[in-house]
């Protein structure tokens, strides 16, 4: 139980600032130029709920029972790919001004950030609360 809490918190503490850096600085102009008329201000409650549940999904499907950092990296990438692909293809199907550029960039980002956060979270948990 303690190990899973450490794993959860480590993954959460890693993914949130990395994602905010990407969305708020690195890719901000891309999203603004591609779908800017659809963007609004960030609503804190749905944003917080997303990260809390997404990290729970990472633990359930990727890192809590992972055999190694390598497996976590692979399955983290796959989990990120499928989650972000679902979001992006749904937006592409439903929203008038969604673009293929945003789809490709965001799926690549979700794949990368989920692989990174899940793997680093696992390494931190292994360091702070090694499996017995």
N, C-alpha and C. Protein backbone atom coordinates (compact mmCIF):
# COMPACT_ATOMS: atom_id res chain seq x y z
N UNK A 1 0.83 -1.20 0.00
CA UNK A 1 0.00 0.00 0.00
C UNK A 1 0.87 1.26 0.00
N UNK A 2 1.87 1.29 0.88
CA UNK A 2 2.77 2.45 0.96
C UNK A 2 3.50 2.64 -0.37
N UNK A 3 3.96 1.53 -0.96
CA UNK A 3 4.68 1.61 -2.23
C UNK A 3 3.78 2.18 -3.33
N UNK A 4 2.53 1.73 -3.39
CA UNK A 4 1.62 2.25 -4.41
C UNK A 4 1.33 3.73 -4.21
N UNK A 5 1.25 4.18 -2.97
CA UNK A 5 1.06 5.61 -2.70
C UNK A 5 2.27 6.41 -3.17
N UNK A 6 3.46 5.91 -2.89
CA UNK A 6 4.68 6.58 -3.36
C UNK A 6 4.72 6.59 -4.89
N UNK A 7 4.39 5.46 -5.50
CA UNK A 7 4.36 5.36 -6.96
C UNK A 7 3.35 6.34 -7.55
N UNK A 8 2.18 6.41 -6.95
CA UNK A 8 1.13 7.33 -7.41
C UNK A 8 1.60 8.78 -7.30
N UNK A 9 2.08 9.16 -6.14
CA UNK A 9 2.49 10.55 -5.92
C UNK A 9 3.69 10.94 -6.80
N UNK A 10 4.65 10.02 -6.93
CA UNK A 10 5.81 10.31 -7.78
C UNK A 10 5.37 10.53 -9.23
N UNK A 11 4.50 9.66 -9.71
CA UNK A 11 4.03 9.79 -11.10
C UNK A 11 3.23 11.08 -11.28
N UNK A 12 2.37 11.38 -10.34
CA UNK A 12 1.56 12.61 -10.40
C UNK A 12 2.44 13.85 -10.36
N UNK A 13 3.41 13.87 -9.44
CA UNK A 13 4.30 15.03 -9.30
C UNK A 13 5.17 15.21 -10.54
N UNK A 14 5.44 14.14 -11.25
CA UNK A 14 6.22 14.25 -12.48
C UNK A 14 5.38 14.71 -13.67
N UNK A 15 4.22 14.10 -13.85
CA UNK A 15 3.46 14.36 -15.08
C UNK A 15 2.84 15.75 -15.13
N UNK A 16 2.39 16.26 -13.99
CA UNK A 16 1.69 17.55 -14.01
C UNK A 16 2.59 18.70 -14.48
N UNK A 17 3.74 18.93 -13.86
CA UNK A 17 4.54 20.07 -14.34
C UNK A 17 5.09 19.88 -15.75
N UNK A 18 5.43 18.64 -16.11
CA UNK A 18 5.93 18.39 -17.47
C UNK A 18 4.83 18.69 -18.48
N UNK A 19 3.61 18.26 -18.19
CA UNK A 19 2.49 18.50 -19.10
C UNK A 19 2.15 19.98 -19.17
N UNK A 20 2.18 20.65 -18.03
CA UNK A 20 1.90 22.09 -18.02
C UNK A 20 2.95 22.86 -18.81
N UNK A 21 4.22 22.45 -18.70
CA UNK A 21 5.28 23.09 -19.47
C UNK A 21 5.03 22.93 -20.97
N UNK A 22 4.66 21.73 -21.37
CA UNK A 22 4.39 21.48 -22.78
C UNK A 22 3.17 22.28 -23.26
N UNK A 23 2.06 22.14 -22.53
CA UNK A 23 0.81 22.79 -22.96
C UNK A 23 0.87 24.31 -22.83
N UNK A 24 1.50 24.80 -21.77
CA UNK A 24 1.49 26.23 -21.49
C UNK A 24 2.60 27.03 -22.12
N UNK A 25 3.69 26.35 -22.53
CA UNK A 25 4.84 27.08 -23.07
C UNK A 25 5.24 26.53 -24.44
N UNK A 26 5.66 25.27 -24.47
CA UNK A 26 6.25 24.70 -25.68
C UNK A 26 5.26 24.63 -26.84
N UNK A 27 4.08 24.11 -26.61
CA UNK A 27 3.11 23.92 -27.70
C UNK A 27 1.97 24.92 -27.69
N UNK A 28 2.05 25.91 -26.82
CA UNK A 28 0.95 26.87 -26.69
C UNK A 28 0.63 27.56 -28.01
N UNK A 29 1.66 28.03 -28.70
CA UNK A 29 1.41 28.74 -29.96
C UNK A 29 0.84 27.81 -31.02
N UNK A 30 1.26 26.54 -31.02
CA UNK A 30 0.71 25.58 -31.98
C UNK A 30 -0.79 25.39 -31.74
N UNK A 31 -1.17 25.12 -30.48
CA UNK A 31 -2.58 24.92 -30.18
C UNK A 31 -3.39 26.19 -30.45
N UNK A 32 -2.83 27.34 -30.12
CA UNK A 32 -3.52 28.60 -30.35
C UNK A 32 -3.73 28.83 -31.85
N UNK A 33 -2.70 28.56 -32.65
CA UNK A 33 -2.84 28.79 -34.10
C UNK A 33 -3.77 27.77 -34.76
N UNK A 34 -3.81 26.56 -34.24
CA UNK A 34 -4.60 25.51 -34.87
C UNK A 34 -6.06 25.50 -34.42
N UNK A 35 -6.31 25.66 -33.13
CA UNK A 35 -7.67 25.55 -32.60
C UNK A 35 -7.97 26.67 -31.60
N UNK A 36 -7.30 27.80 -31.76
CA UNK A 36 -7.39 28.89 -30.80
C UNK A 36 -8.79 29.39 -30.51
N UNK A 37 -9.66 29.42 -31.53
CA UNK A 37 -11.01 29.91 -31.32
C UNK A 37 -11.84 28.97 -30.44
N UNK A 38 -11.33 27.76 -30.21
CA UNK A 38 -12.05 26.81 -29.37
C UNK A 38 -11.48 26.76 -27.95
N UNK A 39 -10.33 27.37 -27.74
CA UNK A 39 -9.70 27.33 -26.43
C UNK A 39 -10.32 28.35 -25.49
N UNK A 40 -10.45 27.96 -24.25
CA UNK A 40 -10.95 28.86 -23.22
C UNK A 40 -9.96 28.87 -22.07
N UNK A 41 -10.38 29.38 -20.95
CA UNK A 41 -9.52 29.34 -19.78
C UNK A 41 -9.59 27.93 -19.17
N UNK A 42 -8.53 27.55 -18.53
CA UNK A 42 -8.48 26.22 -17.90
C UNK A 42 -9.44 26.19 -16.73
N UNK A 43 -10.26 25.15 -16.70
CA UNK A 43 -11.18 24.93 -15.59
C UNK A 43 -10.49 23.99 -14.61
N UNK A 44 -10.18 24.47 -13.40
CA UNK A 44 -9.36 23.69 -12.47
C UNK A 44 -9.94 22.34 -12.07
N UNK A 45 -11.22 22.25 -11.81
CA UNK A 45 -11.79 20.99 -11.31
C UNK A 45 -11.64 19.87 -12.35
N UNK A 46 -12.06 20.06 -13.61
CA UNK A 46 -11.86 18.97 -14.58
C UNK A 46 -10.38 18.67 -14.82
N UNK A 47 -9.53 19.69 -14.78
CA UNK A 47 -8.10 19.47 -14.98
C UNK A 47 -7.53 18.61 -13.86
N UNK A 48 -7.85 18.94 -12.63
CA UNK A 48 -7.38 18.16 -11.47
C UNK A 48 -7.92 16.73 -11.55
N UNK A 49 -9.20 16.59 -11.85
CA UNK A 49 -9.80 15.25 -11.96
C UNK A 49 -9.12 14.42 -13.05
N UNK A 50 -8.82 15.06 -14.17
CA UNK A 50 -8.13 14.34 -15.24
C UNK A 50 -6.83 13.77 -14.73
N UNK A 51 -5.97 14.59 -14.13
CA UNK A 51 -4.66 14.11 -13.68
C UNK A 51 -4.79 13.04 -12.60
N UNK A 52 -5.71 13.22 -11.66
CA UNK A 52 -5.89 12.22 -10.60
C UNK A 52 -6.30 10.87 -11.18
N UNK A 53 -7.26 10.87 -12.10
CA UNK A 53 -7.73 9.62 -12.69
C UNK A 53 -6.74 9.05 -13.71
N UNK A 54 -6.09 9.91 -14.47
CA UNK A 54 -5.13 9.44 -15.47
C UNK A 54 -3.96 8.73 -14.79
N UNK A 55 -3.46 9.31 -13.71
CA UNK A 55 -2.36 8.67 -12.98
C UNK A 55 -2.83 7.36 -12.35
N UNK A 56 -4.05 7.31 -11.86
CA UNK A 56 -4.59 6.04 -11.36
C UNK A 56 -4.59 5.00 -12.48
N UNK A 57 -4.98 5.41 -13.67
CA UNK A 57 -4.95 4.50 -14.83
C UNK A 57 -3.55 4.04 -15.14
N UNK A 58 -2.58 4.94 -15.04
CA UNK A 58 -1.18 4.56 -15.27
C UNK A 58 -0.76 3.47 -14.29
N UNK A 59 -1.12 3.63 -13.03
CA UNK A 59 -0.75 2.61 -12.05
C UNK A 59 -1.46 1.29 -12.32
N UNK A 60 -2.76 1.36 -12.58
CA UNK A 60 -3.54 0.14 -12.79
C UNK A 60 -3.06 -0.63 -14.02
N UNK A 61 -2.83 0.06 -15.11
CA UNK A 61 -2.54 -0.60 -16.37
C UNK A 61 -1.07 -0.67 -16.73
N UNK A 62 -0.21 0.06 -16.01
CA UNK A 62 1.19 0.13 -16.42
C UNK A 62 2.17 -0.21 -15.30
N UNK A 63 2.24 0.62 -14.28
CA UNK A 63 3.41 0.57 -13.42
C UNK A 63 3.26 -0.17 -12.10
N UNK A 64 2.08 -0.33 -11.56
CA UNK A 64 1.95 -0.95 -10.24
C UNK A 64 2.39 -2.40 -10.23
N UNK A 65 2.21 -3.09 -11.32
CA UNK A 65 2.62 -4.50 -11.37
C UNK A 65 3.75 -4.72 -12.37
N UNK A 66 4.41 -3.66 -12.78
CA UNK A 66 5.45 -3.76 -13.81
C UNK A 66 6.64 -4.58 -13.32
N UNK A 67 7.17 -5.37 -14.21
CA UNK A 67 8.32 -6.19 -13.88
C UNK A 67 9.62 -5.40 -13.93
N UNK A 68 9.66 -4.37 -14.76
CA UNK A 68 10.91 -3.62 -14.93
C UNK A 68 10.61 -2.22 -15.47
N UNK A 69 11.64 -1.39 -15.43
CA UNK A 69 11.51 -0.05 -16.01
C UNK A 69 11.29 -0.14 -17.52
N UNK A 70 11.91 -1.11 -18.15
CA UNK A 70 11.75 -1.27 -19.60
C UNK A 70 10.31 -1.61 -19.96
N UNK A 71 9.70 -2.51 -19.20
CA UNK A 71 8.28 -2.85 -19.45
C UNK A 71 7.40 -1.65 -19.19
N UNK A 72 7.71 -0.90 -18.14
CA UNK A 72 6.93 0.30 -17.83
C UNK A 72 7.04 1.32 -18.95
N UNK A 73 8.22 1.49 -19.48
CA UNK A 73 8.42 2.42 -20.59
C UNK A 73 7.56 2.03 -21.79
N UNK A 74 7.57 0.77 -22.13
CA UNK A 74 6.81 0.29 -23.30
C UNK A 74 5.31 0.42 -23.05
N UNK A 75 4.84 -0.11 -21.91
CA UNK A 75 3.41 -0.07 -21.64
C UNK A 75 2.92 1.33 -21.31
N UNK A 76 3.79 2.15 -20.74
CA UNK A 76 3.44 3.56 -20.51
C UNK A 76 3.24 4.27 -21.84
N UNK A 77 4.12 4.01 -22.79
CA UNK A 77 3.98 4.60 -24.12
C UNK A 77 2.68 4.13 -24.78
N UNK A 78 2.40 2.85 -24.68
CA UNK A 78 1.17 2.32 -25.28
C UNK A 78 -0.08 2.89 -24.61
N UNK A 79 -0.07 2.96 -23.29
CA UNK A 79 -1.22 3.52 -22.57
C UNK A 79 -1.43 4.98 -22.98
N UNK A 80 -0.35 5.76 -23.01
CA UNK A 80 -0.45 7.16 -23.44
C UNK A 80 -0.94 7.28 -24.87
N UNK A 81 -0.42 6.42 -25.75
CA UNK A 81 -0.84 6.45 -27.14
C UNK A 81 -2.34 6.21 -27.27
N UNK A 82 -2.83 5.15 -26.64
CA UNK A 82 -4.25 4.81 -26.79
C UNK A 82 -5.17 5.83 -26.13
N UNK A 83 -4.77 6.34 -24.97
CA UNK A 83 -5.61 7.35 -24.30
C UNK A 83 -5.66 8.65 -25.11
N UNK A 84 -4.51 9.15 -25.51
CA UNK A 84 -4.48 10.41 -26.26
C UNK A 84 -5.08 10.22 -27.65
N UNK A 85 -4.87 9.06 -28.28
CA UNK A 85 -5.46 8.80 -29.58
C UNK A 85 -6.98 8.81 -29.50
N UNK A 86 -7.52 8.24 -28.43
CA UNK A 86 -8.97 8.23 -28.25
C UNK A 86 -9.50 9.66 -28.16
N UNK A 87 -8.84 10.47 -27.34
CA UNK A 87 -9.24 11.87 -27.19
C UNK A 87 -9.13 12.62 -28.52
N UNK A 88 -8.01 12.48 -29.18
CA UNK A 88 -7.77 13.24 -30.41
C UNK A 88 -8.67 12.81 -31.56
N UNK A 89 -8.87 11.52 -31.75
CA UNK A 89 -9.73 11.07 -32.84
C UNK A 89 -11.19 11.42 -32.57
N UNK A 90 -11.58 11.40 -31.31
CA UNK A 90 -12.94 11.84 -30.97
C UNK A 90 -13.10 13.32 -31.30
N UNK A 91 -12.12 14.13 -30.92
CA UNK A 91 -12.18 15.56 -31.25
C UNK A 91 -12.20 15.77 -32.76
N UNK A 92 -11.37 15.03 -33.48
CA UNK A 92 -11.31 15.17 -34.94
C UNK A 92 -12.65 14.80 -35.57
N UNK A 93 -13.32 13.81 -35.01
CA UNK A 93 -14.60 13.38 -35.55
C UNK A 93 -15.73 14.35 -35.22
N UNK A 94 -15.63 15.04 -34.09
CA UNK A 94 -16.76 15.81 -33.59
C UNK A 94 -16.62 17.32 -33.71
N UNK A 95 -15.41 17.83 -33.67
CA UNK A 95 -15.22 19.28 -33.59
C UNK A 95 -14.85 19.87 -34.95
N UNK A 96 -15.51 20.94 -35.29
CA UNK A 96 -15.37 21.55 -36.61
C UNK A 96 -13.95 22.03 -36.91
N UNK A 97 -13.28 22.59 -35.93
CA UNK A 97 -11.99 23.22 -36.19
C UNK A 97 -10.79 22.45 -35.66
N UNK A 98 -10.94 21.16 -35.41
CA UNK A 98 -9.79 20.38 -34.94
C UNK A 98 -8.91 20.07 -36.13
N UNK A 99 -7.60 19.97 -35.92
CA UNK A 99 -6.70 19.78 -37.07
C UNK A 99 -5.86 18.51 -36.92
N UNK A 100 -5.44 17.97 -38.05
CA UNK A 100 -4.59 16.79 -38.05
C UNK A 100 -3.24 17.08 -37.41
N UNK A 101 -2.78 18.30 -37.52
CA UNK A 101 -1.51 18.69 -36.88
C UNK A 101 -1.61 18.51 -35.37
N UNK A 102 -2.70 19.00 -34.80
CA UNK A 102 -2.92 18.86 -33.36
C UNK A 102 -3.03 17.39 -32.99
N UNK A 103 -3.73 16.61 -33.79
CA UNK A 103 -3.89 15.18 -33.53
C UNK A 103 -2.53 14.50 -33.43
N UNK A 104 -1.69 14.71 -34.42
CA UNK A 104 -0.38 14.05 -34.47
C UNK A 104 0.51 14.51 -33.32
N UNK A 105 0.59 15.82 -33.10
CA UNK A 105 1.45 16.36 -32.04
C UNK A 105 0.98 15.88 -30.67
N UNK A 106 -0.31 15.93 -30.42
CA UNK A 106 -0.80 15.58 -29.09
C UNK A 106 -0.70 14.08 -28.81
N UNK A 107 -0.92 13.25 -29.81
CA UNK A 107 -0.75 11.81 -29.61
C UNK A 107 0.72 11.49 -29.33
N UNK A 108 1.62 12.11 -30.09
CA UNK A 108 3.05 11.90 -29.84
C UNK A 108 3.43 12.37 -28.44
N UNK A 109 2.90 13.52 -28.04
CA UNK A 109 3.17 14.03 -26.70
C UNK A 109 2.63 13.10 -25.62
N UNK A 110 1.40 12.67 -25.75
CA UNK A 110 0.80 11.78 -24.76
C UNK A 110 1.56 10.47 -24.64
N UNK A 111 2.02 9.95 -25.75
CA UNK A 111 2.82 8.74 -25.74
C UNK A 111 4.11 8.96 -24.96
N UNK A 112 4.79 10.06 -25.26
CA UNK A 112 6.06 10.37 -24.62
C UNK A 112 5.90 10.68 -23.13
N UNK A 113 4.99 11.59 -22.78
CA UNK A 113 4.89 12.02 -21.39
C UNK A 113 4.41 10.90 -20.48
N UNK A 114 3.54 10.03 -20.98
CA UNK A 114 3.07 8.92 -20.16
C UNK A 114 4.18 7.89 -19.97
N UNK A 115 4.94 7.61 -21.02
CA UNK A 115 6.07 6.69 -20.88
C UNK A 115 7.10 7.25 -19.90
N UNK A 116 7.39 8.53 -20.03
CA UNK A 116 8.38 9.17 -19.15
C UNK A 116 7.93 9.18 -17.69
N UNK A 117 6.73 9.69 -17.45
CA UNK A 117 6.25 9.82 -16.06
C UNK A 117 6.06 8.46 -15.40
N UNK A 118 5.55 7.48 -16.14
CA UNK A 118 5.34 6.17 -15.53
C UNK A 118 6.67 5.51 -15.20
N UNK A 119 7.65 5.65 -16.08
CA UNK A 119 8.95 5.02 -15.85
C UNK A 119 9.72 5.71 -14.74
N UNK A 120 9.77 7.03 -14.76
CA UNK A 120 10.46 7.75 -13.69
C UNK A 120 9.75 7.56 -12.36
N UNK A 121 8.42 7.53 -12.37
CA UNK A 121 7.67 7.26 -11.15
C UNK A 121 8.03 5.90 -10.57
N UNK A 122 8.14 4.89 -11.44
CA UNK A 122 8.53 3.55 -10.99
C UNK A 122 9.94 3.56 -10.40
N UNK A 123 10.86 4.23 -11.07
CA UNK A 123 12.24 4.27 -10.57
C UNK A 123 12.31 4.96 -9.20
N UNK A 124 11.55 6.02 -9.03
CA UNK A 124 11.50 6.71 -7.73
C UNK A 124 10.90 5.80 -6.66
N UNK A 125 9.81 5.12 -7.00
CA UNK A 125 9.18 4.19 -6.04
C UNK A 125 10.14 3.05 -5.69
N UNK A 126 10.86 2.54 -6.68
CA UNK A 126 11.84 1.48 -6.43
C UNK A 126 12.94 1.96 -5.48
N UNK A 127 13.30 3.21 -5.61
CA UNK A 127 14.35 3.79 -4.77
C UNK A 127 13.84 4.05 -3.35
N UNK A 128 12.65 4.65 -3.23
CA UNK A 128 12.12 5.02 -1.92
C UNK A 128 11.45 3.86 -1.17
N UNK A 129 10.85 2.95 -1.92
CA UNK A 129 10.13 1.83 -1.30
C UNK A 129 10.35 0.58 -2.13
N UNK A 130 11.55 0.01 -2.07
CA UNK A 130 11.85 -1.16 -2.89
C UNK A 130 10.90 -2.32 -2.60
N UNK A 131 10.64 -3.11 -3.61
CA UNK A 131 9.83 -4.31 -3.43
C UNK A 131 10.59 -5.28 -2.54
N UNK A 132 9.85 -5.91 -1.68
CA UNK A 132 10.49 -6.85 -0.74
C UNK A 132 10.45 -8.26 -1.28
